[in-house]
Amino acid sequence: MRALILLLASSCFLGVTGASIVYASSFNPWNPRASGYQIVFEDDFTSLSTISLTSTNAPGYKWYTDNYVYGETTPSSVFSLAPGGGLVITPVDGYNMAIASAALPYPSGTGGGMIYSSGANGSAPSSSANSSFVGSVFNNGWYIQAEVAFNGSLTKPVSAGEGWPAFWALPIEKGGAIGGDQWPGQVAGYQHYIEDDMFEMFPNVSASTLIDWYGLYGQTCPSFCSIANSNNTVMAPSFQAGVLHTFSQLWIPGSSANGQIGSITNYIDGRQTNTVSWVDATGNTPPPSGAARWSVIDSQHLYIIFGASKGQPFTVKYVKVWQK
């Protein structure tokens, strides 16, 4: 999410909508079990014990506060519990403060992370351990849902370096885990990774954005090059401070069963807001182009992030992840 500041400033930003096929027309976001989904991860935040409140990144927690992407650690003082349950994140500094469902272990290779994978071609979802990270990551699709209330200013201008309220995801490959994000066949350091911004709140606008990042940092483009869906501005309800809303996303990966056509569909309070789709491709070369844009998501492992900024705290009542 913080990386979007760089994206908006980059001369290499492209806005496109993706393939036109939509897969979510028959999916009920209030009843994922009816479509064969089962819960693989959840937290209703009745205790802070599921959060690693230090930067030691020991295994065994659902959430971590050490953001290896931006070199920041969120202090434990910003977390509290809401009456009746729910995590309250109240930043005390200028930069974005967050929890994430995965992190890199110290020392490297000592993690006890879990990979949750949707089943391929009708098989059941599975899980497996991996020592290159701690926490939980998800691949090959999901349905994820979180109930969130924005507690602070709903009209605060975006300030450089401060971030904004967001519910989003990055691949653990970005930190070098599970083989890293090197684009095969390119020079060393040529990265390729997805950013999945399920929901971001800006003054007078809400966004759900899928970003395909690639290149040599500072060489191919001013930061990384990027391609984002142009239908990312979404119709959102009129938010009021302290009122809970449900944000969710259905990620259907490309597979042999659907012609390698994948998609994500975002929802607010059960109402579909936007869809982005792609066609999985092998052996493609940069830049991401045509229907293959964003398809890198299907080969990567995402971890969940909730972030808030100073003056814009929020409450996370619960988060659930289903796979099938």
Protein backbone atom coordinates (compact mmCIF):
# COMPACT_ATOMS: atom_id res chain seq x y z
CA MET A 1 0.00 0.00 0.00
CA ARG A 2 2.74 2.47 0.91
CA ALA A 3 4.36 1.61 -2.42
CA LEU A 4 1.39 3.19 -4.19
CA ILE A 5 2.90 6.61 -3.38
CA LEU A 6 5.78 5.66 -5.66
CA LEU A 7 3.41 4.21 -8.23
CA LEU A 8 1.43 7.42 -8.57
CA ALA A 9 4.61 9.40 -9.11
CA SER A 10 6.15 7.00 -11.59
CA SER A 11 6.18 7.84 -15.27
CA CYS A 12 5.89 4.11 -15.97
CA PHE A 13 2.41 3.74 -14.45
CA LEU A 14 -0.17 2.22 -16.84
CA GLY A 15 -3.90 1.86 -16.19
CA VAL A 16 -5.75 -1.02 -17.84
CA THR A 17 -8.75 -3.21 -17.03
CA GLY A 18 -7.66 -6.74 -18.02
CA ALA A 19 -9.55 -9.54 -19.71
CA SER A 20 -13.30 -9.17 -19.80
CA ILE A 21 -14.41 -12.55 -18.42
CA VAL A 22 -15.97 -12.36 -14.92
CA TYR A 23 -16.18 -15.46 -12.75
CA ALA A 24 -17.96 -14.20 -9.64
CA SER A 25 -21.50 -13.85 -10.97
CA SER A 26 -22.81 -16.90 -9.10
CA PHE A 27 -20.72 -16.49 -5.93
CA ASN A 28 -22.47 -15.42 -2.71
CA PRO A 29 -19.99 -13.38 -0.61
CA TRP A 30 -22.13 -14.00 2.50
CA ASN A 31 -22.09 -17.78 2.01
CA PRO A 32 -18.77 -18.98 0.54
CA ARG A 33 -19.42 -22.50 1.83
CA ALA A 34 -22.19 -22.81 -0.77
CA SER A 35 -19.45 -22.57 -3.42
CA GLY A 36 -17.31 -25.22 -1.73
CA TYR A 37 -15.04 -22.95 0.31
CA GLN A 38 -13.81 -23.81 3.81
CA ILE A 39 -12.09 -21.66 6.42
CA VAL A 40 -8.31 -22.12 6.62
CA PHE A 41 -7.37 -19.04 8.68
CA GLU A 42 -9.25 -16.69 11.00
CA ASP A 43 -8.86 -14.28 13.90
CA ASP A 44 -11.58 -12.45 15.81
CA PHE A 45 -9.05 -10.49 17.90
CA THR A 46 -10.40 -11.28 21.36
CA SER A 47 -6.80 -11.13 22.60
CA LEU A 48 -3.50 -9.55 21.57
CA SER A 49 -1.80 -12.91 22.08
CA THR A 50 -2.05 -13.73 18.35
CA ILE A 51 0.27 -10.79 17.54
CA SER A 52 4.06 -10.88 17.88
CA LEU A 53 4.49 -7.58 19.68
CA THR A 54 8.29 -7.57 19.32
CA SER A 55 10.53 -7.56 16.26
CA THR A 56 12.06 -10.97 17.06
CA ASN A 57 9.74 -12.63 14.51
CA ALA A 58 9.49 -15.94 16.33
CA PRO A 59 7.19 -18.57 14.81
CA GLY A 60 3.80 -19.36 16.27
CA TYR A 61 1.87 -16.11 15.79
CA LYS A 62 -0.87 -15.09 13.38
CA TRP A 63 0.39 -11.51 13.03
CA TYR A 64 3.73 -9.70 12.93
CA THR A 65 4.66 -6.04 13.32
CA ASP A 66 8.04 -6.05 11.57
CA ASN A 67 7.59 -4.74 8.02
CA TYR A 68 10.62 -6.02 6.13
CA VAL A 69 9.54 -4.29 2.89
CA TYR A 70 9.78 -0.78 4.33
CA GLY A 71 12.19 -1.38 7.19
CA GLU A 72 9.70 -0.36 9.88
CA THR A 73 8.47 -2.00 13.07
CA THR A 74 5.10 -0.99 14.50
CA PRO A 75 5.38 -0.42 18.27
CA SER A 76 3.16 -2.52 20.51
CA SER A 77 1.68 0.62 22.07
CA VAL A 78 -0.52 1.27 19.02
CA PHE A 79 -2.55 -1.93 19.55
CA SER A 80 -5.51 -2.31 21.88
CA LEU A 81 -8.73 -4.29 22.06
CA ALA A 82 -12.16 -2.88 21.32
CA PRO A 83 -14.97 -3.58 23.80
CA GLY A 84 -16.52 -6.88 22.78
CA GLY A 85 -13.56 -7.86 20.61
CA GLY A 86 -11.68 -6.43 17.70
CA LEU A 87 -8.20 -5.01 17.20
CA VAL A 88 -7.78 -1.23 17.35
CA ILE A 89 -4.73 0.21 15.56
CA THR A 90 -4.00 3.78 16.70
CA PRO A 91 -0.79 5.11 15.11
CA VAL A 92 1.21 7.57 17.19
CA ASP A 93 3.72 8.55 14.53
CA GLY A 94 3.63 9.84 10.99
CA TYR A 95 4.28 6.66 9.07
CA ASN A 96 1.84 3.87 8.31
CA MET A 97 1.58 1.30 11.11
CA ALA A 98 0.46 -2.20 10.41
CA ILE A 99 0.20 -5.88 11.21
CA ALA A 100 0.95 -8.60 8.66
CA SER A 101 0.16 -12.31 8.61
CA ALA A 102 3.78 -13.20 7.72
CA ALA A 103 7.31 -11.89 8.18
CA LEU A 104 10.93 -12.94 7.68
CA PRO A 105 12.51 -14.87 10.56
CA TYR A 106 15.65 -13.98 12.52
CA PRO A 107 18.02 -15.58 11.76
CA SER A 108 17.15 -16.45 8.18
CA GLY A 109 15.92 -19.98 7.58
CA THR A 110 14.64 -20.54 11.12
CA GLY A 111 10.97 -19.84 10.42
CA GLY A 112 8.00 -22.12 10.87
CA GLY A 113 5.62 -20.55 8.39
CA MET A 114 2.54 -22.15 6.88
CA ILE A 115 1.53 -22.11 3.22
CA TYR A 116 -2.20 -22.47 2.62
CA SER A 117 -3.05 -23.52 -0.93
CA SER A 118 -6.35 -23.93 -2.71
CA GLY A 119 -6.77 -27.31 -4.34
CA ALA A 120 -5.98 -27.72 -8.02
CA ASN A 121 -8.59 -29.08 -10.42
CA GLY A 122 -11.07 -30.08 -7.74
CA SER A 123 -8.70 -31.36 -5.03
CA ALA A 124 -9.05 -30.17 -1.43
CA PRO A 125 -7.08 -27.23 -0.03
CA SER A 126 -3.81 -28.11 1.68
CA SER A 127 -1.19 -26.65 4.01
CA SER A 128 2.55 -27.15 4.31
CA ALA A 129 5.37 -25.80 6.47
CA ASN A 130 8.17 -23.60 5.16
CA SER A 131 11.28 -22.39 7.01
CA SER A 132 11.90 -19.26 4.91
CA PHE A 133 9.25 -17.17 6.71
CA VAL A 134 7.05 -17.06 9.81
CA GLY A 135 3.28 -16.74 9.92
CA SER A 136 0.81 -17.60 7.16
CA VAL A 137 0.72 -17.05 3.40
CA PHE A 138 -1.86 -18.04 0.81
CA ASN A 139 -1.61 -19.11 -2.81
CA ASN A 140 -3.68 -20.46 -5.66
CA GLY A 141 -6.75 -18.45 -4.69
CA TRP A 142 -8.88 -17.45 -1.71
CA TYR A 143 -11.99 -15.78 -0.47
CA ILE A 144 -10.98 -13.33 2.24
CA GLN A 145 -13.29 -11.23 4.37
CA ALA A 146 -12.68 -8.63 7.10
CA GLU A 147 -14.97 -6.38 9.09
CA VAL A 148 -13.43 -2.96 9.65
CA ALA A 149 -14.43 0.39 11.15
CA PHE A 150 -12.60 3.64 10.46
CA ASN A 151 -12.33 5.54 13.72
CA GLY A 152 -10.56 8.77 12.77
CA SER A 153 -10.70 11.45 10.10
CA LEU A 154 -12.34 10.29 6.88
CA THR A 155 -11.11 13.33 4.93
CA LYS A 156 -7.46 13.62 6.01
CA PRO A 157 -5.28 14.58 2.99
CA VAL A 158 -2.65 12.05 1.97
CA SER A 159 0.76 13.16 3.26
CA ALA A 160 4.05 11.87 1.89
CA GLY A 161 5.38 9.04 4.03
CA GLU A 162 2.27 8.72 6.22
CA GLY A 163 0.21 6.24 4.28
CA TRP A 164 -3.55 5.77 4.65
CA PRO A 165 -5.99 3.15 5.96
CA ALA A 166 -5.73 -0.04 3.93
CA PHE A 167 -6.52 -3.76 3.76
CA TRP A 168 -4.05 -5.29 1.32
CA ALA A 169 -1.59 -8.08 0.52
CA LEU A 170 1.93 -8.66 -0.81
CA PRO A 171 3.78 -11.85 -1.76
CA ILE A 172 6.31 -13.22 0.71
CA GLU A 173 8.54 -13.68 -2.35
CA LYS A 174 9.14 -9.91 -2.21
CA GLY A 175 11.32 -10.55 0.86
CA GLY A 176 13.26 -13.38 -0.77
CA ALA A 177 11.26 -16.23 0.74
CA ILE A 178 9.99 -19.24 -1.27
CA GLY A 179 12.50 -18.57 -4.03
CA GLY A 180 12.13 -14.79 -4.23
CA ASP A 181 10.61 -12.58 -6.93
CA GLN A 182 13.33 -12.77 -9.59
CA TRP A 183 11.79 -12.71 -13.10
CA PRO A 184 13.09 -15.94 -14.72
CA GLY A 185 15.38 -15.36 -17.65
CA GLN A 186 16.16 -11.75 -16.71
CA VAL A 187 19.33 -10.24 -15.23
CA ALA A 188 19.90 -10.70 -11.51
CA GLY A 189 17.77 -8.34 -9.46
CA TYR A 190 15.05 -7.96 -12.08
CA GLN A 191 11.99 -8.38 -9.87
CA HIS A 192 8.39 -9.26 -10.66
CA TYR A 193 5.66 -9.31 -8.02
CA ILE A 194 2.02 -8.48 -7.37
CA GLU A 195 0.48 -5.97 -4.97
CA ASP A 196 -3.14 -6.64 -4.08
CA ASP A 197 -4.81 -3.57 -2.55
CA MET A 198 -8.18 -4.97 -1.59
CA PHE A 199 -9.32 -1.66 -0.15
CA GLU A 200 -7.70 1.74 0.44
CA MET A 201 -9.39 4.83 1.80
CA PHE A 202 -8.39 8.22 0.42
CA PRO A 203 -10.18 11.56 0.88
CA ASN A 204 -13.37 11.47 -1.21
CA VAL A 205 -12.37 8.26 -3.03
CA SER A 206 -12.00 4.55 -2.32
CA ALA A 207 -9.80 2.20 -4.31
CA SER A 208 -9.28 -1.52 -4.96
CA THR A 209 -6.15 -1.91 -7.06
CA LEU A 210 -4.14 -4.81 -8.47
CA ILE A 211 -0.58 -3.75 -9.34
CA ASP A 212 1.92 -5.72 -11.43
CA TRP A 213 5.39 -4.50 -10.37
CA TYR A 214 8.52 -5.34 -12.36
CA GLY A 215 12.03 -4.22 -13.27
CA LEU A 216 15.39 -3.28 -11.79
CA TYR A 217 14.78 -0.83 -8.99
CA GLY A 218 15.74 2.72 -10.00
CA GLN A 219 16.92 1.61 -13.44
CA THR A 220 14.04 0.26 -15.51
CA CYS A 221 11.82 2.99 -14.02
CA PRO A 222 12.31 5.64 -11.29
CA SER A 223 11.37 2.97 -8.71
CA PHE A 224 9.86 -0.23 -10.10
CA CYS A 225 7.73 -0.19 -13.23
CA SER A 226 4.04 -0.90 -12.64
CA ILE A 227 0.78 -1.73 -14.33
CA ALA A 228 -2.50 -1.22 -12.46
CA ASN A 229 -6.14 -1.78 -13.31
CA SER A 230 -7.84 1.44 -14.41
CA ASN A 231 -11.17 0.42 -12.84
CA ASN A 232 -9.71 0.74 -9.35
CA THR A 233 -11.91 3.61 -8.14
CA VAL A 234 -14.84 1.87 -6.48
CA MET A 235 -18.28 2.87 -5.31
CA ALA A 236 -18.19 2.75 -1.53
CA PRO A 237 -20.79 3.51 1.13
CA SER A 238 -20.77 6.80 2.94
CA PHE A 239 -18.39 5.88 5.75
CA GLN A 240 -19.03 7.15 9.24
CA ALA A 241 -16.48 7.01 12.02
CA GLY A 242 -16.80 3.89 14.14
CA VAL A 243 -19.31 2.10 11.85
CA LEU A 244 -18.29 -1.40 10.80
CA HIS A 245 -18.21 -2.42 7.13
CA THR A 246 -17.31 -5.73 5.51
CA PHE A 247 -14.55 -5.83 2.88
CA SER A 248 -13.88 -9.01 0.96
CA GLN A 249 -12.20 -10.43 -2.13
CA LEU A 250 -12.62 -13.53 -4.26
CA TRP A 251 -9.41 -14.64 -6.01
CA ILE A 252 -9.94 -17.38 -8.59
CA PRO A 253 -6.63 -18.59 -10.07
CA GLY A 254 -6.20 -19.60 -13.66
CA SER A 255 -6.24 -23.38 -14.13
CA SER A 256 -6.70 -26.01 -16.78
CA ALA A 257 -10.34 -26.24 -15.71
CA ASN A 258 -11.05 -22.60 -16.63
CA GLY A 259 -8.74 -22.11 -19.60
CA GLN A 260 -6.00 -20.55 -17.40
CA ILE A 261 -8.20 -17.46 -16.93
CA GLY A 262 -7.93 -16.06 -13.39
CA SER A 263 -9.65 -13.15 -11.68
CA ILE A 264 -10.12 -11.16 -8.51
CA THR A 265 -13.44 -9.62 -7.50
CA ASN A 266 -13.77 -7.15 -4.62
CA TYR A 267 -16.82 -6.54 -2.44
CA ILE A 268 -17.93 -3.97 0.13
CA ASP A 269 -20.79 -5.05 2.40
CA GLY A 270 -21.50 -7.92 0.03
CA ARG A 271 -21.81 -5.72 -3.05
CA GLN A 272 -19.42 -6.34 -5.94
CA THR A 273 -17.28 -3.25 -6.63
CA ASN A 274 -14.81 -4.29 -9.34
CA THR A 275 -13.22 -7.25 -11.11
CA VAL A 276 -9.83 -7.74 -12.77
CA SER A 277 -8.96 -10.82 -14.84
CA TRP A 278 -5.95 -12.28 -16.66
CA VAL A 279 -4.70 -15.33 -18.54
CA ASP A 280 -1.85 -17.30 -16.97
CA ALA A 281 1.20 -17.46 -19.24
CA THR A 282 4.54 -19.25 -19.11
CA GLY A 283 7.82 -18.05 -20.53
CA ASN A 284 6.61 -14.46 -20.94
CA THR A 285 9.11 -11.61 -21.09
CA PRO A 286 8.89 -8.07 -19.73
CA PRO A 287 6.98 -5.89 -19.69
CA PRO A 288 3.81 -7.69 -18.58
CA SER A 289 1.49 -7.31 -21.54
CA GLY A 290 -1.86 -8.29 -22.97
CA ALA A 291 -3.96 -10.74 -21.03
CA ALA A 292 -0.92 -11.92 -19.01
CA ARG A 293 -0.87 -8.72 -16.92
CA TRP A 294 -1.33 -9.50 -13.20
CA SER A 295 -1.07 -13.27 -13.82
CA VAL A 296 2.06 -13.39 -11.62
CA ILE A 297 -0.34 -13.45 -8.64
CA ASP A 298 -1.15 -17.09 -9.41
CA SER A 299 2.46 -18.16 -8.83
CA GLN A 300 3.05 -16.16 -5.63
CA HIS A 301 2.14 -16.50 -1.96
CA LEU A 302 0.27 -13.58 -0.40
CA TYR A 303 0.26 -12.40 3.18
CA ILE A 304 -2.42 -10.13 4.66
CA ILE A 305 -1.74 -6.57 5.86
CA PHE A 306 -3.88 -4.11 7.81
CA GLY A 307 -2.43 -0.60 7.99
CA ALA A 308 -3.49 2.70 9.56
CA SER A 309 -1.93 6.16 9.65
CA LYS A 310 -1.73 8.95 12.22
CA GLY A 311 -5.13 10.55 12.70
CA GLN A 312 -6.79 7.61 10.91
CA PRO A 313 -6.92 4.68 13.33
CA PHE A 314 -9.24 1.79 12.67
CA THR A 315 -10.73 -1.33 14.19
CA VAL A 316 -10.51 -4.81 12.68
CA LYS A 317 -13.37 -6.86 14.10
CA TYR A 318 -12.35 -10.10 12.40
CA VAL A 319 -10.64 -11.58 9.36
CA LYS A 320 -11.38 -14.94 7.72
CA VAL A 321 -9.78 -16.75 4.79
CA TRP A 322 -11.53 -19.53 2.88
CA GLN A 323 -10.08 -21.79 0.19
CA LYS A 324 -11.45 -24.66 -1.86
